[in-house]
Amino acid sequence: MSNQKGFCAHAGGLRLSSRGFTILEFIVALALLAVAVGLAVPSLRQFSANNQLVSANNSIVTGLNLARSTAITTGEDITICPSVNGTTCTEDSWNDGWIVFNDANGDGNAATAEILRVVTIESDVNNSGFGENIVFQADGTTDMGANATITNCREQGTVGENCANVTINQFGMIESDKQSTTKDVGEPTS
């Protein structure tokens, strides 16, 4: 008697052979999957945290570039400042957002008709450093006598903080860089 595929010869006749995974093979596969997921989840959290930091940094750079390019294009002074409510400047951090406006009346405050852009922030990124108005003049320079740096940081659990800087010099040039070191939790932001 010849064996056919899918069947096996047995003393009592032909019967189907069993195919599939044993319970042991299933448990091993499940354990390997659990290890792979366990390794991937922290990496995804770090990836998400880094993306929030980069997004916050890019958002500030975009606002600064808008203010500078509008000042050059219109030939008028354009101001960007931190704002908690989206209508008035606050000498505080950029955590809640900022406004870009054309201070046509020169009072240093944003009237509703002067506001060009309002940005509201909702993230776990905290920032420190320069918290005042930045005025870009018609030639693209600022009214500051020195560089201003805004530091954005995102807490990384027990490993510290991951930070990035946005620096604006008196000539209106804007630079963004990521700090390569992490700080200990609780250490003040520079």
N, C-alpha and C. Protein backbone atom coordinates (compact mmCIF):
# COMPACT_ATOMS: atom_id res chain seq x y z
N MET A 1 0.85 -1.15 0.00
CA MET A 1 0.00 0.00 0.00
C MET A 1 0.91 1.23 0.00
N SER A 2 0.61 2.20 -0.87
CA SER A 2 1.44 3.39 -0.95
C SER A 2 0.84 4.51 -0.12
N ASN A 3 1.75 5.29 0.46
CA ASN A 3 1.30 6.44 1.26
C ASN A 3 0.89 7.57 0.34
N GLN A 4 -0.24 8.15 0.61
CA GLN A 4 -0.67 9.33 -0.13
C GLN A 4 -0.42 10.56 0.73
N LYS A 5 -0.22 11.69 0.07
CA LYS A 5 0.04 12.92 0.80
C LYS A 5 -1.16 13.26 1.68
N GLY A 6 -0.90 13.57 2.92
CA GLY A 6 -1.97 13.90 3.84
C GLY A 6 -2.50 12.70 4.60
N PHE A 7 -2.05 11.55 4.25
CA PHE A 7 -2.50 10.34 4.94
C PHE A 7 -1.29 9.60 5.45
N CYS A 8 -1.48 8.76 6.43
CA CYS A 8 -0.40 7.92 6.89
C CYS A 8 -0.93 6.49 7.03
N ALA A 9 -0.04 5.58 6.79
CA ALA A 9 -0.44 4.17 6.88
C ALA A 9 -0.47 3.78 8.33
N HIS A 10 -1.47 3.07 8.72
CA HIS A 10 -1.62 2.62 10.09
C HIS A 10 -2.09 1.17 10.04
N ALA A 11 -1.82 0.44 11.03
CA ALA A 11 -2.14 -0.99 11.03
C ALA A 11 -3.62 -1.24 10.77
N GLY A 12 -4.47 -0.36 11.24
CA GLY A 12 -5.88 -0.58 11.08
C GLY A 12 -6.45 0.04 9.82
N GLY A 13 -5.65 0.65 9.01
CA GLY A 13 -6.13 1.27 7.78
C GLY A 13 -5.56 2.67 7.64
N LEU A 14 -6.19 3.47 6.82
CA LEU A 14 -5.72 4.84 6.58
C LEU A 14 -6.43 5.82 7.51
N ARG A 15 -5.67 6.79 8.00
CA ARG A 15 -6.30 7.84 8.79
C ARG A 15 -5.58 9.16 8.52
N LEU A 16 -6.25 10.26 8.71
CA LEU A 16 -5.67 11.58 8.46
C LEU A 16 -4.58 11.87 9.49
N SER A 17 -3.47 12.47 9.01
CA SER A 17 -2.44 12.89 9.96
C SER A 17 -2.80 14.29 10.46
N SER A 18 -2.43 14.62 11.66
CA SER A 18 -2.74 15.94 12.20
C SER A 18 -1.68 16.93 11.76
N ARG A 19 -2.12 18.11 11.42
CA ARG A 19 -1.22 19.19 11.02
C ARG A 19 -1.53 20.41 11.86
N GLY A 20 -0.51 21.29 12.07
CA GLY A 20 -0.73 22.51 12.84
C GLY A 20 0.32 22.66 13.91
N PHE A 21 0.04 23.59 14.81
CA PHE A 21 0.97 23.87 15.89
C PHE A 21 0.59 23.09 17.13
N THR A 22 1.60 22.69 17.84
CA THR A 22 1.34 22.09 19.14
C THR A 22 1.18 23.23 20.14
N ILE A 23 0.67 22.94 21.27
CA ILE A 23 0.48 23.96 22.31
C ILE A 23 1.83 24.54 22.74
N LEU A 24 2.86 23.74 22.76
CA LEU A 24 4.20 24.21 23.12
C LEU A 24 4.72 25.21 22.07
N GLU A 25 4.54 24.90 20.80
CA GLU A 25 4.97 25.81 19.74
C GLU A 25 4.20 27.14 19.83
N PHE A 26 2.92 27.05 20.12
CA PHE A 26 2.11 28.25 20.26
C PHE A 26 2.59 29.12 21.41
N ILE A 27 2.91 28.53 22.54
CA ILE A 27 3.38 29.27 23.71
C ILE A 27 4.73 29.92 23.41
N VAL A 28 5.63 29.24 22.73
CA VAL A 28 6.93 29.80 22.37
C VAL A 28 6.75 30.99 21.43
N ALA A 29 5.88 30.83 20.45
CA ALA A 29 5.62 31.94 19.51
C ALA A 29 5.02 33.13 20.24
N LEU A 30 4.11 32.89 21.15
CA LEU A 30 3.50 33.95 21.93
C LEU A 30 4.53 34.66 22.81
N ALA A 31 5.44 33.91 23.39
CA ALA A 31 6.50 34.49 24.22
C ALA A 31 7.42 35.37 23.38
N LEU A 32 7.77 34.92 22.19
CA LEU A 32 8.61 35.72 21.29
C LEU A 32 7.91 37.01 20.87
N LEU A 33 6.63 36.92 20.61
CA LEU A 33 5.85 38.11 20.26
C LEU A 33 5.82 39.09 21.43
N ALA A 34 5.65 38.59 22.64
CA ALA A 34 5.64 39.46 23.83
C ALA A 34 6.97 40.17 24.01
N VAL A 35 8.06 39.47 23.79
CA VAL A 35 9.39 40.09 23.90
C VAL A 35 9.55 41.18 22.84
N ALA A 36 9.13 40.90 21.61
CA ALA A 36 9.24 41.89 20.53
C ALA A 36 8.42 43.13 20.84
N VAL A 37 7.21 42.97 21.32
CA VAL A 37 6.37 44.11 21.67
C VAL A 37 6.99 44.86 22.85
N GLY A 38 7.51 44.14 23.82
CA GLY A 38 8.16 44.78 24.97
C GLY A 38 9.36 45.63 24.58
N LEU A 39 10.05 45.23 23.54
CA LEU A 39 11.19 46.01 23.06
C LEU A 39 10.74 47.19 22.21
N ALA A 40 9.64 47.05 21.50
CA ALA A 40 9.17 48.09 20.58
C ALA A 40 8.48 49.24 21.30
N VAL A 41 7.73 48.98 22.34
CA VAL A 41 6.94 50.02 23.00
C VAL A 41 7.80 51.16 23.54
N PRO A 42 8.89 50.91 24.28
CA PRO A 42 9.71 52.04 24.73
C PRO A 42 10.29 52.85 23.56
N SER A 43 10.65 52.18 22.49
CA SER A 43 11.17 52.90 21.33
C SER A 43 10.11 53.79 20.71
N LEU A 44 8.88 53.32 20.68
CA LEU A 44 7.79 54.13 20.15
C LEU A 44 7.51 55.33 21.04
N ARG A 45 7.60 55.14 22.35
CA ARG A 45 7.42 56.27 23.26
C ARG A 45 8.50 57.32 23.05
N GLN A 46 9.75 56.89 22.92
CA GLN A 46 10.86 57.81 22.67
C GLN A 46 10.67 58.52 21.33
N PHE A 47 10.24 57.78 20.33
CA PHE A 47 9.99 58.35 19.01
C PHE A 47 8.91 59.42 19.09
N SER A 48 7.84 59.14 19.81
CA SER A 48 6.75 60.10 19.96
C SER A 48 7.22 61.34 20.72
N ALA A 49 7.98 61.14 21.78
CA ALA A 49 8.50 62.27 22.56
C ALA A 49 9.42 63.14 21.72
N ASN A 50 10.28 62.52 20.95
CA ASN A 50 11.18 63.28 20.08
C ASN A 50 10.40 64.06 19.03
N ASN A 51 9.34 63.46 18.50
CA ASN A 51 8.52 64.15 17.51
C ASN A 51 7.81 65.35 18.11
N GLN A 52 7.35 65.25 19.35
CA GLN A 52 6.73 66.39 20.01
C GLN A 52 7.73 67.53 20.18
N LEU A 53 8.95 67.19 20.56
CA LEU A 53 9.99 68.20 20.75
C LEU A 53 10.33 68.87 19.42
N VAL A 54 10.52 68.09 18.39
CA VAL A 54 10.85 68.64 17.07
C VAL A 54 9.70 69.50 16.56
N SER A 55 8.47 69.05 16.77
CA SER A 55 7.30 69.80 16.35
C SER A 55 7.22 71.15 17.05
N ALA A 56 7.44 71.17 18.36
CA ALA A 56 7.40 72.43 19.12
C ALA A 56 8.50 73.37 18.64
N ASN A 57 9.69 72.84 18.42
CA ASN A 57 10.80 73.66 17.95
C ASN A 57 10.48 74.23 16.56
N ASN A 58 10.01 73.37 15.66
CA ASN A 58 9.71 73.81 14.30
C ASN A 58 8.58 74.83 14.28
N SER A 59 7.63 74.69 15.18
CA SER A 59 6.53 75.64 15.25
C SER A 59 7.02 77.03 15.63
N ILE A 60 7.93 77.10 16.60
CA ILE A 60 8.49 78.41 16.98
C ILE A 60 9.32 78.98 15.84
N VAL A 61 10.12 78.15 15.20
CA VAL A 61 10.94 78.62 14.07
C VAL A 61 10.03 79.14 12.95
N THR A 62 8.93 78.44 12.68
CA THR A 62 8.00 78.88 11.65
C THR A 62 7.41 80.24 11.98
N GLY A 63 7.02 80.44 13.25
CA GLY A 63 6.49 81.74 13.67
C GLY A 63 7.52 82.85 13.53
N LEU A 64 8.76 82.56 13.92
CA LEU A 64 9.83 83.56 13.79
C LEU A 64 10.09 83.88 12.32
N ASN A 65 10.13 82.85 11.48
CA ASN A 65 10.35 83.08 10.05
C ASN A 65 9.21 83.87 9.41
N LEU A 66 7.97 83.60 9.85
CA LEU A 66 6.83 84.37 9.36
C LEU A 66 6.98 85.84 9.73
N ALA A 67 7.33 86.10 10.98
CA ALA A 67 7.49 87.49 11.44
C ALA A 67 8.60 88.19 10.65
N ARG A 68 9.72 87.51 10.47
CA ARG A 68 10.86 88.11 9.76
C ARG A 68 10.52 88.36 8.29
N SER A 69 9.96 87.37 7.62
CA SER A 69 9.67 87.53 6.19
C SER A 69 8.58 88.58 5.96
N THR A 70 7.60 88.64 6.86
CA THR A 70 6.55 89.66 6.73
C THR A 70 7.13 91.06 6.93
N ALA A 71 8.06 91.20 7.87
CA ALA A 71 8.71 92.50 8.09
C ALA A 71 9.47 92.94 6.85
N ILE A 72 10.18 92.01 6.23
CA ILE A 72 10.95 92.33 5.02
C ILE A 72 10.01 92.67 3.87
N THR A 73 8.95 91.87 3.71
CA THR A 73 8.01 92.05 2.59
C THR A 73 7.23 93.35 2.71
N THR A 74 6.74 93.66 3.91
CA THR A 74 5.89 94.84 4.08
C THR A 74 6.69 96.11 4.37
N GLY A 75 7.93 95.95 4.79
CA GLY A 75 8.74 97.11 5.15
C GLY A 75 8.34 97.71 6.48
N GLU A 76 7.62 96.93 7.30
CA GLU A 76 7.17 97.41 8.60
C GLU A 76 7.68 96.50 9.70
N ASP A 77 7.72 97.03 10.93
CA ASP A 77 8.13 96.20 12.07
C ASP A 77 7.04 95.17 12.38
N ILE A 78 7.46 93.92 12.56
CA ILE A 78 6.54 92.83 12.90
C ILE A 78 7.02 92.22 14.21
N THR A 79 6.10 91.99 15.12
CA THR A 79 6.42 91.49 16.46
C THR A 79 5.90 90.06 16.63
N ILE A 80 6.70 89.24 17.30
CA ILE A 80 6.25 87.92 17.76
C ILE A 80 6.49 87.89 19.26
N CYS A 81 5.51 87.38 19.99
CA CYS A 81 5.65 87.35 21.44
C CYS A 81 4.89 86.17 22.03
N PRO A 82 5.34 85.70 23.20
CA PRO A 82 4.59 84.63 23.87
C PRO A 82 3.23 85.17 24.32
N SER A 83 2.22 84.29 24.26
CA SER A 83 0.88 84.69 24.64
C SER A 83 0.15 83.52 25.27
N VAL A 84 -0.54 83.80 26.36
CA VAL A 84 -1.33 82.78 27.04
C VAL A 84 -2.72 82.68 26.42
N ASN A 85 -3.29 83.83 26.02
CA ASN A 85 -4.67 83.85 25.55
C ASN A 85 -4.83 84.09 24.05
N GLY A 86 -3.74 84.30 23.33
CA GLY A 86 -3.83 84.51 21.89
C GLY A 86 -4.21 85.92 21.48
N THR A 87 -4.32 86.83 22.45
CA THR A 87 -4.68 88.21 22.11
C THR A 87 -3.71 89.24 22.68
N THR A 88 -3.03 88.90 23.77
CA THR A 88 -2.08 89.84 24.37
C THR A 88 -0.74 89.16 24.62
N CYS A 89 0.32 89.95 24.61
CA CYS A 89 1.66 89.43 24.88
C CYS A 89 1.85 89.25 26.39
N THR A 90 2.58 88.22 26.74
CA THR A 90 2.94 88.01 28.13
C THR A 90 4.45 87.83 28.19
N GLU A 91 5.07 88.38 29.20
CA GLU A 91 6.51 88.18 29.37
C GLU A 91 6.68 86.91 30.17
N ASP A 92 6.49 85.83 29.49
CA ASP A 92 6.46 84.52 30.12
C ASP A 92 7.08 83.54 29.13
N SER A 93 6.84 82.29 29.34
CA SER A 93 7.37 81.28 28.44
C SER A 93 6.47 81.15 27.21
N TRP A 94 6.98 80.43 26.23
CA TRP A 94 6.26 80.19 24.98
C TRP A 94 5.43 78.90 25.09
N ASN A 95 5.24 78.37 26.31
CA ASN A 95 4.55 77.10 26.51
C ASN A 95 3.13 77.07 25.98
N ASP A 96 2.39 78.16 26.14
CA ASP A 96 0.97 78.16 25.76
C ASP A 96 0.74 78.60 24.32
N GLY A 97 1.73 79.26 23.73
CA GLY A 97 1.59 79.72 22.36
C GLY A 97 2.17 81.10 22.17
N TRP A 98 1.90 81.69 21.02
CA TRP A 98 2.42 83.02 20.71
C TRP A 98 1.57 83.65 19.63
N ILE A 99 1.82 84.94 19.44
CA ILE A 99 1.13 85.68 18.39
C ILE A 99 2.16 86.45 17.56
N VAL A 100 1.85 86.59 16.30
CA VAL A 100 2.64 87.42 15.38
C VAL A 100 1.72 88.57 14.98
N PHE A 101 2.22 89.80 15.12
CA PHE A 101 1.37 90.94 14.78
C PHE A 101 2.18 92.10 14.24
N ASN A 102 1.47 92.96 13.48
CA ASN A 102 2.04 94.19 12.93
C ASN A 102 1.64 95.31 13.88
N ASP A 103 2.60 95.78 14.64
CA ASP A 103 2.32 96.81 15.65
C ASP A 103 2.26 98.18 14.98
N ALA A 104 1.18 98.40 14.22
CA ALA A 104 1.04 99.62 13.42
C ALA A 104 1.00 100.88 14.27
N ASN A 105 0.39 100.81 15.45
CA ASN A 105 0.30 102.01 16.29
C ASN A 105 1.49 102.15 17.24
N GLY A 106 2.40 101.18 17.25
CA GLY A 106 3.64 101.28 18.02
C GLY A 106 3.49 101.18 19.53
N ASP A 107 2.37 100.66 20.01
CA ASP A 107 2.17 100.59 21.45
C ASP A 107 2.71 99.30 22.08
N GLY A 108 3.21 98.38 21.27
CA GLY A 108 3.78 97.14 21.79
C GLY A 108 2.73 96.09 22.13
N ASN A 109 1.47 96.40 21.90
CA ASN A 109 0.38 95.47 22.16
C ASN A 109 -0.30 95.09 20.85
N ALA A 110 -0.86 93.91 20.83
CA ALA A 110 -1.53 93.42 19.62
C ALA A 110 -3.01 93.78 19.64
N ALA A 111 -3.40 94.70 18.78
CA ALA A 111 -4.82 94.96 18.59
C ALA A 111 -5.37 93.87 17.68
N THR A 112 -6.66 93.60 17.78
CA THR A 112 -7.27 92.52 17.00
C THR A 112 -6.98 92.66 15.51
N ALA A 113 -7.04 93.87 14.98
CA ALA A 113 -6.80 94.10 13.55
C ALA A 113 -5.33 93.91 13.16
N GLU A 114 -4.42 93.95 14.14
CA GLU A 114 -2.99 93.85 13.85
C GLU A 114 -2.48 92.41 13.86
N ILE A 115 -3.24 91.48 14.41
CA ILE A 115 -2.76 90.09 14.57
C ILE A 115 -2.71 89.38 13.22
N LEU A 116 -1.55 88.80 12.93
CA LEU A 116 -1.34 88.06 11.69
C LEU A 116 -1.47 86.55 11.89
N ARG A 117 -1.03 86.05 13.05
CA ARG A 117 -1.08 84.61 13.32
C ARG A 117 -1.14 84.38 14.81
N VAL A 118 -1.97 83.44 15.21
CA VAL A 118 -2.08 83.00 16.60
C VAL A 118 -1.76 81.52 16.61
N VAL A 119 -0.85 81.11 17.48
CA VAL A 119 -0.50 79.69 17.62
C VAL A 119 -0.74 79.29 19.07
N THR A 120 -1.52 78.24 19.24
CA THR A 120 -1.78 77.70 20.57
C THR A 120 -1.08 76.36 20.68
N ILE A 121 -0.42 76.14 21.80
CA ILE A 121 0.35 74.91 22.00
C ILE A 121 -0.35 74.02 23.02
N GLU A 122 -0.45 72.76 22.70
CA GLU A 122 -0.94 71.76 23.65
C GLU A 122 -0.02 70.55 23.56
N SER A 123 1.01 70.54 24.36
CA SER A 123 1.93 69.40 24.36
C SER A 123 2.64 69.31 25.71
N ASP A 124 3.46 68.29 25.85
CA ASP A 124 4.22 68.10 27.08
C ASP A 124 5.59 68.77 27.01
N VAL A 125 5.79 69.64 26.04
CA VAL A 125 7.07 70.32 25.88
C VAL A 125 7.04 71.62 26.69
N ASN A 126 8.05 71.81 27.52
CA ASN A 126 8.19 73.04 28.30
C ASN A 126 9.35 73.83 27.74
N ASN A 127 9.26 75.14 27.83
CA ASN A 127 10.38 75.93 27.36
C ASN A 127 10.76 76.99 28.35
N SER A 128 11.95 77.50 28.15
CA SER A 128 12.47 78.54 29.04
C SER A 128 13.40 79.41 28.22
N GLY A 129 13.93 80.39 28.87
CA GLY A 129 14.85 81.29 28.19
C GLY A 129 14.15 82.60 27.88
N PHE A 130 14.38 83.11 26.71
CA PHE A 130 13.89 84.41 26.29
C PHE A 130 12.36 84.41 26.27
N GLY A 131 11.74 85.34 26.99
CA GLY A 131 10.29 85.38 27.08
C GLY A 131 9.70 86.73 26.75
N GLU A 132 10.43 87.53 26.00
CA GLU A 132 9.96 88.88 25.68
C GLU A 132 9.54 88.97 24.22
N ASN A 133 9.03 90.14 23.86
CA ASN A 133 8.69 90.39 22.46
C ASN A 133 9.95 90.40 21.61
N ILE A 134 9.84 89.87 20.41
CA ILE A 134 10.93 89.97 19.44
C ILE A 134 10.38 90.75 18.27
N VAL A 135 11.00 91.88 17.97
CA VAL A 135 10.54 92.74 16.88
C VAL A 135 11.52 92.61 15.72
N PHE A 136 10.98 92.18 14.57
CA PHE A 136 11.77 92.13 13.34
C PHE A 136 11.51 93.43 12.57
N GLN A 137 12.61 94.09 12.19
CA GLN A 137 12.52 95.36 11.48
C GLN A 137 12.46 95.12 9.97
N ALA A 138 12.22 96.18 9.23
CA ALA A 138 12.00 96.08 7.78
C ALA A 138 13.18 95.44 7.04
N ASP A 139 14.38 95.51 7.59
CA ASP A 139 15.54 94.89 6.93
C ASP A 139 15.79 93.46 7.41
N GLY A 140 14.90 92.93 8.25
CA GLY A 140 15.02 91.55 8.72
C GLY A 140 15.81 91.39 9.99
N THR A 141 16.40 92.46 10.50
CA THR A 141 17.14 92.38 11.76
C THR A 141 16.16 92.52 12.92
N THR A 142 16.67 92.28 14.13
CA THR A 142 15.83 92.43 15.31
C THR A 142 16.21 93.69 16.06
N ASP A 143 15.39 94.02 17.03
CA ASP A 143 15.69 95.18 17.87
C ASP A 143 16.51 94.79 19.09
N MET A 144 16.96 93.52 19.15
CA MET A 144 17.72 93.03 20.30
C MET A 144 19.20 93.35 20.12
N GLY A 145 19.88 93.60 21.21
CA GLY A 145 21.30 93.88 21.16
C GLY A 145 22.16 92.64 21.22
N ALA A 146 21.55 91.50 21.50
CA ALA A 146 22.31 90.25 21.64
C ALA A 146 21.42 89.08 21.21
N ASN A 147 21.99 87.90 21.20
CA ASN A 147 21.23 86.70 20.84
C ASN A 147 20.17 86.40 21.90
N ALA A 148 19.08 85.80 21.44
CA ALA A 148 18.03 85.31 22.34
C ALA A 148 17.88 83.82 22.07
N THR A 149 17.77 83.03 23.13
CA THR A 149 17.61 81.59 22.97
C THR A 149 16.37 81.12 23.71
N ILE A 150 15.57 80.34 23.01
CA ILE A 150 14.40 79.69 23.60
C ILE A 150 14.73 78.21 23.65
N THR A 151 14.69 77.62 24.84
CA THR A 151 15.01 76.20 25.01
C THR A 151 13.73 75.41 25.25
N ASN A 152 13.48 74.43 24.40
CA ASN A 152 12.33 73.54 24.54
C ASN A 152 12.81 72.22 25.10
N CYS A 153 12.14 71.73 26.14
CA CYS A 153 12.51 70.46 26.75
C CYS A 153 11.29 69.59 26.95
N ARG A 154 11.50 68.31 26.82
CA ARG A 154 10.44 67.33 27.08
C ARG A 154 11.00 66.31 28.04
N GLU A 155 10.28 66.11 29.15
CA GLU A 155 10.73 65.15 30.16
C GLU A 155 10.67 63.74 29.59
N GLN A 156 11.72 62.97 29.87
CA GLN A 156 11.82 61.60 29.37
C GLN A 156 11.76 60.60 30.52
N GLY A 157 10.79 60.75 31.38
CA GLY A 157 10.66 59.81 32.50
C GLY A 157 11.83 59.92 33.46
N THR A 158 12.46 58.80 33.76
CA THR A 158 13.54 58.79 34.74
C THR A 158 14.90 59.11 34.14
N VAL A 159 15.00 59.22 32.82
CA VAL A 159 16.31 59.47 32.22
C VAL A 159 16.64 60.96 32.10
N GLY A 160 15.70 61.84 32.38
CA GLY A 160 15.98 63.25 32.31
C GLY A 160 15.15 63.93 31.26
N GLU A 161 15.70 64.95 30.64
CA GLU A 161 14.99 65.72 29.64
C GLU A 161 15.75 65.71 28.33
N ASN A 162 14.99 65.78 27.27
CA ASN A 162 15.53 65.90 25.93
C ASN A 162 15.22 67.33 25.50
N CYS A 163 16.22 68.10 25.09
CA CYS A 163 16.04 69.52 24.84
C CYS A 163 16.50 69.93 23.45
N ALA A 164 15.95 71.05 22.99
CA ALA A 164 16.35 71.65 21.72
C ALA A 164 16.29 73.16 21.87
N ASN A 165 17.15 73.86 21.17
CA ASN A 165 17.22 75.32 21.26
C ASN A 165 16.82 75.98 19.95
N VAL A 166 16.19 77.15 20.09
CA VAL A 166 15.97 78.05 18.95
C VAL A 166 16.70 79.33 19.33
N THR A 167 17.64 79.74 18.49
CA THR A 167 18.42 80.95 18.77
C THR A 167 18.17 81.98 17.68
N ILE A 168 17.92 83.22 18.10
CA ILE A 168 17.71 84.33 17.18
C ILE A 168 18.81 85.34 17.47
N ASN A 169 19.60 85.71 16.45
CA ASN A 169 20.63 86.70 16.70
C ASN A 169 20.14 88.09 16.30
N GLN A 170 20.91 89.10 16.61
CA GLN A 170 20.49 90.48 16.36
C GLN A 170 20.33 90.80 14.88
N PHE A 171 20.91 89.96 14.02
CA PHE A 171 20.78 90.16 12.58
C PHE A 171 19.54 89.46 12.02
N GLY A 172 18.77 88.82 12.89
CA GLY A 172 17.53 88.17 12.49
C GLY A 172 17.68 86.73 12.04
N MET A 173 18.89 86.21 12.12
CA MET A 173 19.11 84.81 11.72
C MET A 173 18.58 83.88 12.80
N ILE A 174 17.91 82.82 12.35
CA ILE A 174 17.27 81.88 13.27
C ILE A 174 17.92 80.53 13.11
N GLU A 175 18.36 79.95 14.22
CA GLU A 175 18.98 78.62 14.20
C GLU A 175 18.24 77.71 15.16
N SER A 176 18.13 76.45 14.78
CA SER A 176 17.51 75.46 15.63
C SER A 176 18.47 74.29 15.77
N ASP A 177 18.68 73.83 17.00
CA ASP A 177 19.56 72.68 17.20
C ASP A 177 19.07 71.85 18.37
N LYS A 178 19.37 70.58 18.30
CA LYS A 178 18.99 69.66 19.37
C LYS A 178 20.19 69.45 20.27
N GLN A 179 19.98 69.57 21.57
CA GLN A 179 21.05 69.33 22.52
C GLN A 179 21.33 67.84 22.55
N SER A 180 22.59 67.49 22.58
CA SER A 180 22.95 66.08 22.52
C SER A 180 22.94 65.40 23.88
N THR A 181 22.86 66.16 24.94
CA THR A 181 22.88 65.55 26.26
C THR A 181 21.52 65.68 26.91
N THR A 182 21.22 64.77 27.81
CA THR A 182 19.99 64.87 28.58
C THR A 182 20.35 65.33 29.97
N LYS A 183 19.42 66.05 30.57
CA LYS A 183 19.65 66.56 31.91
C LYS A 183 18.97 65.67 32.92
N ASP A 184 19.46 65.70 34.13
CA ASP A 184 18.81 64.95 35.20
C ASP A 184 17.47 65.58 35.54
N VAL A 185 16.51 64.76 35.88
CA VAL A 185 15.20 65.27 36.26
C VAL A 185 15.37 66.16 37.48
N GLY A 186 14.74 67.33 37.43
CA GLY A 186 14.82 68.27 38.54
C GLY A 186 15.91 69.31 38.36
N GLU A 187 16.82 69.09 37.43
CA GLU A 187 17.86 70.08 37.16
C GLU A 187 17.22 71.24 36.42
N PRO A 188 17.49 72.48 36.80
CA PRO A 188 16.86 73.60 36.14
C PRO A 188 17.28 73.69 34.66
N THR A 189 16.36 74.19 33.85
CA THR A 189 16.65 74.39 32.43
C THR A 189 17.58 75.56 32.28
N SER A 190 18.55 75.43 31.42
CA SER A 190 19.50 76.53 31.23
C SER A 190 18.93 77.60 30.34
